Amino acid sequence: MREIITLQCPDCKNRNYSTTKNKRTTTGRLEFQKFCNTCRKHTPHKETK
């Protein structure tokens, strides 16, 4: 079953992006290189609760 998660910038703590993941196959936390509009640069956005 796929669940909606949010991605948070580690520098400014803004929650900028949302995506889905399969909880059965991906048990760890996701991390993507995304552009943060507040920081004006690419940062590794991590999954939050």
C-alpha atoms as a PDB file:
ATOM      1  CA  MET A   1       0.000   0.000   0.000  1.00  0.00           C
ATOM      2  CA  ARG A   2       1.363   3.400  -1.020  1.00  0.00           C
ATOM      3  CA  GLU A   3       1.335   6.242   1.484  1.00  0.00           C
ATOM      4  CA  ILE A   4       1.858   9.974   1.040  1.00  0.00           C
ATOM      5  CA  ILE A   5       5.016  11.363   2.652  1.00  0.00           C
ATOM      6  CA  THR A   6       6.474  14.876   2.843  1.00  0.00           C
ATOM      7  CA  LEU A   7      10.060  15.908   2.158  1.00  0.00           C
ATOM      8  CA  GLN A   8      11.799  18.503   4.343  1.00  0.00           C
ATOM      9  CA  CYS A   9      14.817  20.705   3.645  1.00  0.00           C
ATOM     10  CA  PRO A  10      17.514  20.173   6.322  1.00  0.00           C
ATOM     11  CA  ASP A  11      18.806  23.773   6.110  1.00  0.00           C
ATOM     12  CA  CYS A  12      15.645  25.882   6.447  1.00  0.00           C
ATOM     13  CA  LYS A  13      13.283  23.135   7.765  1.00  0.00           C
ATOM     14  CA  ASN A  14      10.594  23.925   5.154  1.00  0.00           C
ATOM     15  CA  ARG A  15       8.429  21.058   3.968  1.00  0.00           C
ATOM     16  CA  ASN A  16       8.481  21.708   0.241  1.00  0.00           C
ATOM     17  CA  TYR A  17       7.614  18.473  -1.554  1.00  0.00           C
ATOM     18  CA  SER A  18       5.262  15.536  -1.169  1.00  0.00           C
ATOM     19  CA  THR A  19       5.508  12.117  -2.789  1.00  0.00           C
ATOM     20  CA  THR A  20       4.335   8.534  -2.268  1.00  0.00           C
ATOM     21  CA  LYS A  21       6.194   5.406  -1.281  1.00  0.00           C
ATOM     22  CA  ASN A  22       5.451   1.731  -0.784  1.00  0.00           C
ATOM     23  CA  LYS A  23       5.876   1.004   2.943  1.00  0.00           C
ATOM     24  CA  ARG A  24       6.313  -2.745   2.394  1.00  0.00           C
ATOM     25  CA  THR A  25       9.237  -2.575  -0.017  1.00  0.00           C
ATOM     26  CA  THR A  26      10.876   0.648   1.216  1.00  0.00           C
ATOM     27  CA  THR A  27      11.206   0.543   4.975  1.00  0.00           C
ATOM     28  CA  GLY A  28      13.925   3.207   5.313  1.00  0.00           C
ATOM     29  CA  ARG A  29      13.590   6.972   4.972  1.00  0.00           C
ATOM     30  CA  LEU A  30      13.755   8.438   1.477  1.00  0.00           C
ATOM     31  CA  GLU A  31      16.150  11.206   0.485  1.00  0.00           C
ATOM     32  CA  PHE A  32      16.150  13.168  -2.797  1.00  0.00           C
ATOM     33  CA  GLN A  33      18.213  16.051  -4.176  1.00  0.00           C
ATOM     34  CA  LYS A  34      15.587  18.780  -4.643  1.00  0.00           C
ATOM     35  CA  PHE A  35      15.598  22.530  -5.190  1.00  0.00           C
ATOM     36  CA  CYS A  36      14.550  24.614  -2.171  1.00  0.00           C
ATOM     37  CA  ASN A  37      12.940  27.959  -3.040  1.00  0.00           C
ATOM     38  CA  THR A  38      13.756  29.425   0.375  1.00  0.00           C
ATOM     39  CA  CYS A  39      17.460  28.499   0.303  1.00  0.00           C
ATOM     40  CA  ARG A  40      17.713  29.059  -3.478  1.00  0.00           C
ATOM     41  CA  LYS A  41      19.878  25.937  -3.930  1.00  0.00           C
ATOM     42  CA  HIS A  42      19.712  22.166  -4.300  1.00  0.00           C
ATOM     43  CA  THR A  43      19.706  20.343  -0.960  1.00  0.00           C
ATOM     44  CA  PRO A  44      19.104  16.703   0.092  1.00  0.00           C
ATOM     45  CA  HIS A  45      15.437  16.694   1.155  1.00  0.00           C
ATOM     46  CA  LYS A  46      14.632  13.935   3.651  1.00  0.00           C
ATOM     47  CA  GLU A  47      11.380  12.165   4.535  1.00  0.00           C
ATOM     48  CA  THR A  48       9.521  13.434   7.607  1.00  0.00           C
ATOM     49  CA  LYS A  49       6.661  12.022   9.645  1.00  0.00           C
END
